[in-house]
Amino acid sequence: MVESFLEFYGKHEISPVRQDLSDYKKHTERRRELYRHLGLLPTSFKDKKILEVGPGGGYNSLVIADWEPSLYVLIEANKTGINDIKRNFAGHPILEKKGLQLIEKRLEETSLDEKFDIVLCEQTIPHNKNQKDLLNKLDEFTKEGGIMVLTCIDEISSYFEIMKRYFGFQLVKGKEDFREKVNILVDALGPHKRTLSGSSRFEEDWVIDNFLNEAVHNSLFSMGDCINFFREKYQIYNTSPKIFTDYRWFKKIPEEDGKHNEVCLEQFNCLMHNFFYTEKIFDKRKSSQNLELLDLCKEARKWAYLNEFENKEIKKEMGRNIGKIIENAGYLDKDILNSLKDIYRLNKKEKLTIEDLGKNCKHFMKAFGKCSQYISLTKNNSI
């Protein structure tokens, strides 16, 4: 099993994170809205020092470069991604101003004298085994008063994706040819992605990254994990999707020593079920219910891992797990209930076909969690 996404990409000489730039204006609008959710405007980047770690092929980086930072440093170690960056940035005005620097190393191996106004790190911390070292390195490069942006994933938000992987594995089990596995999963799970409005990734890349990449089973990194890791040095600024509210009077907050992170963490435990299904929004519920759902989703990941990597027969255990998730979350919404019923039915089949997964589970096909969440944090000043 690979240590990280980077190792998997290098093994297969790929960078499956391409974005469709045929409508560049729309691509820019999507990125602008993400950063607006995070409390950042195009003017937040202009004439600022920006660091981005793991930009892949630089598809999203192009938008930030358009916003004219004074210095834009990209750290990317995947050779295929590096080549994509060079191709995508060919002729970009930022090159003429010598405002772009590309560091072809791992983050852990990088030393920089600069401190940055904004540090971006998308889709890099989850699924990595050395999260603590990476987070400390990001902190090292963030100036006091600066902003860090990270991606978070938890077991609840990724439940439907891990179940798609679990069933997809049954279709490719025993097959050696990588390309054959990709084609089978595109046929079986491509129809699922086509139900996801707004997705701009290529189906092949999506399949490879989510359903063949072994690093998916490494440790996740939730918003709760992020808050706890940085709670002494950073304050939560914003998130996408936006889930936190603070109704306190601003004049009262300094008397309470801020407590921004505590407010957010308490709300997170009562709201994390909102990440379970992408199109649904629910009221708060007891944190004990969500912690139970979290444990059940962790258990589902464990059974899927044992089936894929240790060849364990776990259908009965997975069936009981699905039943418990139905008891915990099925009441939330009929689409969730019907999706879970589809999963339960698929799990009972002795042998799955592409048609079973690609055509005959109309509710599960549309079931996605708010798998990746973004969080921005402000670094406290020492004074």
Protein backbone atom coordinates (compact mmCIF):
# COMPACT_ATOMS: atom_id res chain seq x y z
CA MET A 1 0.00 0.00 0.00
CA VAL A 2 1.37 3.43 -0.96
CA GLU A 3 2.23 6.11 1.57
CA SER A 4 0.55 9.03 -0.21
CA PHE A 5 -1.19 10.27 -3.34
CA LEU A 6 2.20 11.53 -4.51
CA GLU A 7 3.69 8.04 -4.35
CA PHE A 8 0.72 6.58 -6.24
CA TYR A 9 0.99 9.24 -8.96
CA GLY A 10 4.70 8.61 -9.34
CA LYS A 11 4.18 4.85 -9.52
CA HIS A 12 1.84 5.23 -12.50
CA GLU A 13 3.41 8.42 -13.94
CA ILE A 14 0.11 10.29 -13.82
CA SER A 15 -1.44 13.47 -12.46
CA PRO A 16 -5.18 12.68 -12.38
CA VAL A 17 -6.28 16.11 -11.18
CA ARG A 18 -6.97 17.79 -14.51
CA GLN A 19 -9.71 20.39 -14.79
CA ASP A 20 -11.82 21.22 -17.82
CA LEU A 21 -10.64 24.70 -18.85
CA SER A 22 -12.66 24.88 -22.07
CA ASP A 23 -14.80 27.53 -20.37
CA TYR A 24 -12.12 29.42 -18.49
CA LYS A 25 -14.51 32.14 -17.36
CA LYS A 26 -16.66 29.54 -15.61
CA HIS A 27 -13.57 27.94 -14.10
CA THR A 28 -12.53 31.33 -12.71
CA GLU A 29 -16.01 31.93 -11.30
CA ARG A 30 -15.92 28.61 -9.45
CA ARG A 31 -12.58 29.45 -7.84
CA ARG A 32 -13.72 32.98 -6.99
CA GLU A 33 -16.77 31.61 -5.20
CA LEU A 34 -14.68 29.11 -3.25
CA TYR A 35 -12.38 31.83 -1.99
CA ARG A 36 -15.28 34.17 -1.25
CA HIS A 37 -16.68 31.45 1.03
CA LEU A 38 -13.29 31.39 2.71
CA GLY A 39 -13.24 35.15 3.25
CA LEU A 40 -10.79 35.86 0.42
CA LEU A 41 -11.36 38.13 -2.58
CA PRO A 42 -9.21 38.55 -5.70
CA THR A 43 -7.85 41.70 -4.04
CA SER A 44 -6.71 39.53 -1.12
CA PHE A 45 -4.11 37.99 -3.45
CA LYS A 46 -3.04 41.09 -5.39
CA ASP A 47 0.52 42.18 -4.56
CA LYS A 48 0.73 39.52 -1.82
CA LYS A 49 3.15 36.65 -1.29
CA ILE A 50 1.33 33.36 -1.95
CA LEU A 51 2.52 29.79 -1.40
CA GLU A 52 0.64 26.82 -2.84
CA VAL A 53 1.57 23.25 -1.91
CA GLY A 54 0.54 20.39 -4.17
CA PRO A 55 -0.98 22.37 -7.05
CA GLY A 56 -1.07 19.28 -9.30
CA GLY A 57 -1.03 20.49 -12.89
CA GLY A 58 -1.62 24.12 -11.89
CA TYR A 59 -5.15 24.30 -13.30
CA ASN A 60 -6.49 26.15 -10.26
CA SER A 61 -3.24 28.05 -9.80
CA LEU A 62 -3.81 29.89 -13.08
CA VAL A 63 -6.69 31.81 -11.51
CA ILE A 64 -4.61 33.02 -8.59
CA ALA A 65 -1.84 34.04 -10.98
CA ASP A 66 -4.44 36.14 -12.83
CA TRP A 67 -5.04 38.02 -9.56
CA GLU A 68 -1.45 39.31 -9.68
CA PRO A 69 0.34 38.27 -6.50
CA SER A 70 3.77 39.84 -6.08
CA LEU A 71 5.26 36.38 -5.50
CA TYR A 72 3.62 33.04 -6.21
CA VAL A 73 5.55 29.92 -5.14
CA LEU A 74 4.34 26.47 -6.18
CA ILE A 75 5.70 23.35 -4.46
CA GLU A 76 5.06 20.21 -6.51
CA ALA A 77 7.06 16.96 -6.52
CA ASN A 78 5.08 14.86 -9.02
CA LYS A 79 6.96 14.91 -12.34
CA THR A 80 3.81 14.62 -14.45
CA GLY A 81 2.20 17.45 -12.51
CA ILE A 82 5.32 19.57 -12.94
CA ASN A 83 5.19 19.11 -16.70
CA ASP A 84 1.50 20.06 -16.69
CA ILE A 85 2.27 23.23 -14.71
CA LYS A 86 4.93 24.28 -17.19
CA ARG A 87 2.57 23.67 -20.10
CA ASN A 88 -0.39 25.45 -18.49
CA PHE A 89 1.65 28.50 -17.51
CA ALA A 90 3.45 28.87 -20.84
CA GLY A 91 2.95 32.49 -21.94
CA HIS A 92 1.23 33.62 -18.73
CA PRO A 93 1.98 37.27 -17.86
CA ILE A 94 3.23 36.32 -14.39
CA LEU A 95 6.28 34.72 -16.02
CA GLU A 96 7.28 38.03 -17.62
CA LYS A 97 7.15 39.69 -14.20
CA LYS A 98 9.20 36.81 -12.76
CA GLY A 99 6.58 36.46 -10.06
CA LEU A 100 6.24 32.67 -10.32
CA GLN A 101 8.60 30.18 -8.69
CA LEU A 102 8.23 26.41 -9.11
CA ILE A 103 9.95 24.25 -6.49
CA GLU A 104 10.22 20.66 -7.66
CA LYS A 105 10.42 19.04 -4.22
CA ARG A 106 8.28 17.51 -1.52
CA LEU A 107 7.05 19.95 1.10
CA GLU A 108 9.04 18.09 3.79
CA GLU A 109 12.26 18.67 1.83
CA THR A 110 11.66 22.38 1.19
CA SER A 111 13.42 25.23 2.97
CA LEU A 112 12.34 28.83 2.36
CA ASP A 113 13.43 32.14 3.82
CA GLU A 114 10.12 33.77 2.89
CA LYS A 115 7.01 33.93 5.06
CA PHE A 116 3.77 34.10 3.09
CA ASP A 117 0.58 36.13 3.39
CA ILE A 118 -1.54 33.19 2.20
CA VAL A 119 -0.59 29.50 2.23
CA LEU A 120 -2.78 27.13 0.20
CA CYS A 121 -2.77 23.35 0.52
CA GLU A 122 -5.65 21.58 -1.24
CA GLN A 123 -6.19 17.81 -1.12
CA THR A 124 -2.80 17.10 0.43
CA ILE A 125 -3.22 16.58 4.19
CA PRO A 126 -6.02 13.94 4.09
CA HIS A 127 -4.78 10.49 3.01
CA ASN A 128 -1.21 11.33 4.05
CA LYS A 129 0.57 9.34 6.75
CA ASN A 130 2.84 12.17 7.92
CA GLN A 131 0.16 14.78 8.53
CA LYS A 132 1.76 16.32 11.61
CA ASP A 133 5.06 17.02 9.82
CA LEU A 134 3.26 18.55 6.84
CA LEU A 135 1.07 20.78 9.00
CA ASN A 136 4.04 22.02 11.00
CA LYS A 137 5.83 22.82 7.75
CA LEU A 138 2.86 24.81 6.47
CA ASP A 139 2.78 26.72 9.76
CA GLU A 140 6.49 27.48 9.38
CA PHE A 141 5.84 29.22 6.06
CA THR A 142 2.78 31.23 7.19
CA LYS A 143 3.51 34.74 8.42
CA GLU A 144 1.96 36.06 11.63
CA GLY A 145 -1.43 37.48 10.75
CA GLY A 146 -1.41 35.42 7.56
CA ILE A 147 -4.00 32.96 6.30
CA MET A 148 -3.76 29.22 5.72
CA VAL A 149 -6.26 27.32 3.56
CA LEU A 150 -6.61 23.55 3.89
CA THR A 151 -8.87 20.77 2.67
CA CYS A 152 -10.56 18.48 5.17
CA ILE A 153 -12.23 15.09 4.68
CA ASP A 154 -13.89 12.89 7.30
CA GLU A 155 -15.49 9.46 7.37
CA ILE A 156 -19.05 10.83 7.26
CA SER A 157 -18.43 13.12 4.29
CA SER A 158 -16.70 10.33 2.31
CA TYR A 159 -19.08 7.47 3.19
CA PHE A 160 -20.88 7.21 -0.16
CA GLU A 161 -17.58 7.50 -2.03
CA ILE A 162 -16.00 4.69 -0.01
CA MET A 163 -19.04 2.50 -0.71
CA LYS A 164 -18.71 3.21 -4.43
CA ARG A 165 -15.09 2.10 -4.11
CA TYR A 166 -16.11 -1.02 -2.17
CA PHE A 167 -18.51 -2.14 -4.91
CA GLY A 168 -16.18 -1.00 -7.69
CA PHE A 169 -13.41 -3.20 -6.28
CA GLN A 170 -15.65 -6.24 -6.72
CA LEU A 171 -15.71 -5.52 -10.46
CA VAL A 172 -11.92 -5.25 -10.86
CA LYS A 173 -10.77 -7.77 -8.26
CA GLY A 174 -8.09 -10.07 -9.67
CA LYS A 175 -7.42 -7.93 -12.74
CA GLU A 176 -3.80 -6.90 -13.22
CA ASP A 177 -3.93 -4.41 -16.06
CA PHE A 178 -4.31 -0.86 -14.73
CA ARG A 179 -5.92 0.48 -17.90
CA GLU A 180 -8.48 -2.34 -17.93
CA LYS A 181 -9.48 -1.49 -14.36
CA VAL A 182 -9.85 2.18 -15.24
CA ASN A 183 -12.12 1.38 -18.19
CA ILE A 184 -14.34 -0.95 -16.12
CA LEU A 185 -14.77 1.62 -13.37
CA VAL A 186 -15.48 4.44 -15.81
CA ASP A 187 -18.27 2.31 -17.30
CA ALA A 188 -19.65 1.41 -13.86
CA LEU A 189 -19.17 4.65 -11.93
CA GLY A 190 -19.01 7.26 -14.67
CA PRO A 191 -22.84 7.41 -14.67
CA HIS A 192 -22.66 8.30 -10.97
CA LYS A 193 -20.37 11.27 -11.62
CA ARG A 194 -22.64 12.52 -14.38
CA THR A 195 -25.37 13.10 -11.80
CA LEU A 196 -23.06 15.44 -9.84
CA SER A 197 -23.83 18.99 -10.91
CA GLY A 198 -20.86 21.34 -11.21
CA SER A 199 -18.13 18.70 -11.33
CA SER A 200 -15.28 19.78 -13.61
CA ARG A 201 -12.93 16.80 -13.36
CA PHE A 202 -12.51 14.24 -16.11
CA GLU A 203 -14.20 10.91 -15.38
CA GLU A 204 -11.02 8.94 -15.86
CA ASP A 205 -9.12 11.10 -13.37
CA TRP A 206 -11.96 10.93 -10.86
CA VAL A 207 -12.06 7.14 -11.08
CA ILE A 208 -8.30 6.75 -10.71
CA ASP A 209 -8.01 9.15 -7.79
CA ASN A 210 -10.96 7.86 -5.78
CA PHE A 211 -11.33 4.19 -6.62
CA LEU A 212 -7.87 2.92 -7.59
CA ASN A 213 -5.58 5.13 -5.54
CA GLU A 214 -4.52 3.02 -2.56
CA ALA A 215 -3.73 6.09 -0.44
CA VAL A 216 -7.47 6.77 -0.08
CA HIS A 217 -7.40 4.34 2.84
CA ASN A 218 -4.79 6.36 4.76
CA SER A 219 -5.81 8.61 7.65
CA LEU A 220 -8.33 11.35 7.00
CA PHE A 221 -8.28 14.89 8.39
CA SER A 222 -11.57 16.37 9.54
CA MET A 223 -12.47 19.95 10.37
CA GLY A 224 -12.47 18.82 14.00
CA ASP A 225 -8.95 17.46 13.61
CA CYS A 226 -7.87 20.75 12.03
CA ILE A 227 -9.37 22.88 14.80
CA ASN A 228 -7.75 20.74 17.50
CA PHE A 229 -4.34 20.75 15.82
CA PHE A 230 -4.16 24.52 15.34
CA ARG A 231 -6.32 25.73 18.23
CA GLU A 232 -3.45 27.47 20.09
CA LYS A 233 -1.86 29.26 17.12
CA TYR A 234 -4.71 29.90 14.66
CA GLN A 235 -8.35 30.93 14.65
CA ILE A 236 -10.96 29.54 12.30
CA TYR A 237 -11.76 32.21 9.75
CA ASN A 238 -14.24 30.66 7.30
CA THR A 239 -15.25 27.37 5.73
CA SER A 240 -16.74 26.06 2.50
CA PRO A 241 -19.41 24.88 2.82
CA LYS A 242 -20.19 27.49 5.45
CA ILE A 243 -21.39 25.74 8.60
CA PHE A 244 -20.31 27.91 11.53
CA THR A 245 -22.18 30.89 12.98
CA ASP A 246 -21.21 33.18 15.83
CA TYR A 247 -23.99 35.32 17.27
CA ARG A 248 -21.86 36.85 20.01
CA TRP A 249 -21.64 40.64 20.29
CA PHE A 250 -18.26 41.65 18.86
CA LYS A 251 -17.48 43.87 21.85
CA LYS A 252 -17.97 40.92 24.17
CA ILE A 253 -15.66 38.56 22.31
CA PRO A 254 -12.33 40.04 23.60
CA GLU A 255 -13.58 39.63 27.18
CA GLU A 256 -14.09 35.93 26.44
CA ASP A 257 -10.54 35.62 25.06
CA GLY A 258 -11.90 34.96 21.58
CA LYS A 259 -12.94 31.33 21.96
CA HIS A 260 -13.61 31.22 18.21
CA ASN A 261 -12.25 27.71 17.92
CA GLU A 262 -14.27 26.40 20.85
CA VAL A 263 -17.47 27.84 19.35
CA CYS A 264 -16.70 26.16 16.01
CA LEU A 265 -15.75 22.80 17.50
CA GLU A 266 -18.95 22.61 19.53
CA GLN A 267 -21.02 23.39 16.43
CA PHE A 268 -19.06 20.93 14.29
CA ASN A 269 -20.04 17.97 16.45
CA CYS A 270 -23.71 18.89 16.15
CA LEU A 271 -23.61 19.63 12.40
CA MET A 272 -21.26 17.07 10.82
CA HIS A 273 -24.23 15.02 9.53
CA ASN A 274 -24.67 17.85 7.00
CA PHE A 275 -21.62 16.46 5.19
CA PHE A 276 -23.29 13.08 4.68
CA TYR A 277 -25.25 13.95 1.54
CA THR A 278 -24.24 16.74 -0.79
CA GLU A 279 -27.62 18.26 -1.68
CA LYS A 280 -29.16 18.22 1.80
CA ILE A 281 -29.08 20.66 4.72
CA PHE A 282 -30.26 19.63 8.17
CA ASP A 283 -30.80 21.26 11.55
CA LYS A 284 -28.47 20.55 14.43
CA ARG A 285 -28.88 17.24 16.19
CA LYS A 286 -27.30 15.70 19.29
CA SER A 287 -23.55 15.37 19.03
CA SER A 288 -23.91 11.81 20.36
CA GLN A 289 -25.89 10.86 17.24
CA ASN A 290 -23.19 12.28 14.98
CA LEU A 291 -20.38 10.64 16.90
CA GLU A 292 -22.23 7.33 16.53
CA LEU A 293 -22.59 7.97 12.78
CA LEU A 294 -18.89 8.81 12.61
CA ASP A 295 -17.98 5.51 14.29
CA LEU A 296 -20.24 3.59 11.90
CA CYS A 297 -18.68 5.27 8.86
CA LYS A 298 -15.22 4.48 10.23
CA GLU A 299 -16.30 0.87 10.58
CA ALA A 300 -17.52 0.80 6.97
CA ARG A 301 -14.10 2.03 5.84
CA LYS A 302 -12.47 -0.72 7.88
CA TRP A 303 -14.58 -3.45 6.26
CA ALA A 304 -13.90 -2.02 2.81
CA TYR A 305 -10.17 -1.96 3.52
CA LEU A 306 -10.12 -5.56 4.78
CA ASN A 307 -12.02 -6.70 1.71
CA GLU A 308 -9.71 -4.90 -0.72
CA PHE A 309 -6.28 -5.37 0.84
CA GLU A 310 -6.59 -8.50 2.97
CA ASN A 311 -9.11 -10.39 0.82
CA LYS A 312 -11.51 -10.82 3.77
CA GLU A 313 -15.10 -11.86 3.17
CA ILE A 314 -17.02 -9.15 5.05
CA LYS A 315 -20.47 -9.01 3.42
CA LYS A 316 -22.28 -9.98 6.63
CA GLU A 317 -20.38 -7.43 8.70
CA MET A 318 -20.92 -4.74 6.07
CA GLY A 319 -24.62 -5.60 5.93
CA ARG A 320 -25.00 -5.13 9.68
CA ASN A 321 -23.11 -1.86 9.42
CA ILE A 322 -25.41 -0.57 6.66
CA GLY A 323 -28.43 -1.49 8.79
CA LYS A 324 -27.09 0.53 11.71
CA ILE A 325 -26.39 3.54 9.47
CA ILE A 326 -29.99 3.33 8.21
CA GLU A 327 -31.17 3.43 11.84
CA ASN A 328 -28.95 6.45 12.58
CA ALA A 329 -29.36 8.54 9.43
CA GLY A 330 -32.15 7.05 7.31
CA TYR A 331 -34.78 9.25 8.93
CA LEU A 332 -32.99 12.43 7.84
CA ASP A 333 -34.25 12.34 4.26
CA LYS A 334 -35.94 9.94 1.85
CA ASP A 335 -33.11 10.22 -0.70
CA ILE A 336 -30.61 9.18 1.95
CA LEU A 337 -32.82 6.28 3.02
CA ASN A 338 -33.32 5.07 -0.55
CA SER A 339 -29.59 5.37 -1.28
CA LEU A 340 -28.77 3.28 1.78
CA LYS A 341 -31.37 0.70 0.73
CA ASP A 342 -29.66 0.50 -2.68
CA ILE A 343 -26.35 -0.08 -0.91
CA TYR A 344 -27.87 -2.78 1.27
CA ARG A 345 -29.30 -4.54 -1.80
CA LEU A 346 -26.05 -4.34 -3.74
CA ASN A 347 -24.15 -5.78 -0.79
CA LYS A 348 -26.37 -8.86 -0.79
CA LYS A 349 -25.56 -9.72 -4.40
CA GLU A 350 -23.18 -12.63 -4.85
CA LYS A 351 -21.68 -11.20 -8.04
CA LEU A 352 -21.98 -7.60 -9.18
CA THR A 353 -22.08 -6.48 -12.80
CA ILE A 354 -21.32 -3.13 -14.41
CA GLU A 355 -25.05 -2.76 -15.04
CA ASP A 356 -25.83 -3.31 -11.35
CA LEU A 357 -23.61 -0.42 -10.38
CA GLY A 358 -23.97 1.79 -13.45
CA LYS A 359 -27.70 1.52 -14.15
CA ASN A 360 -29.68 -0.40 -11.55
CA CYS A 361 -29.21 1.70 -8.41
CA LYS A 362 -30.78 5.03 -9.30
CA HIS A 363 -30.66 6.44 -5.76
CA PHE A 364 -27.11 5.36 -4.91
CA MET A 365 -25.94 6.73 -8.26
CA LYS A 366 -26.90 10.21 -7.08
CA ALA A 367 -25.52 9.80 -3.56
CA PHE A 368 -22.42 11.84 -2.78
CA GLY A 369 -21.22 13.36 0.44
CA LYS A 370 -19.78 16.84 0.83
CA CYS A 371 -16.56 14.90 0.66
CA SER A 372 -13.99 17.69 0.67
CA GLN A 373 -14.46 20.75 2.82
CA TYR A 374 -12.25 23.83 2.80
CA ILE A 375 -11.20 25.73 5.88
CA SER A 376 -9.33 29.03 6.22
CA LEU A 377 -7.44 29.91 9.38
CA THR A 378 -5.76 33.12 10.54
CA LYS A 379 -2.42 32.87 12.30
CA ASN A 380 -2.34 34.71 15.62
CA ASN A 381 0.08 37.61 16.06
CA SER A 382 2.63 37.11 18.85
CA ILE A 383 1.86 40.52 20.35
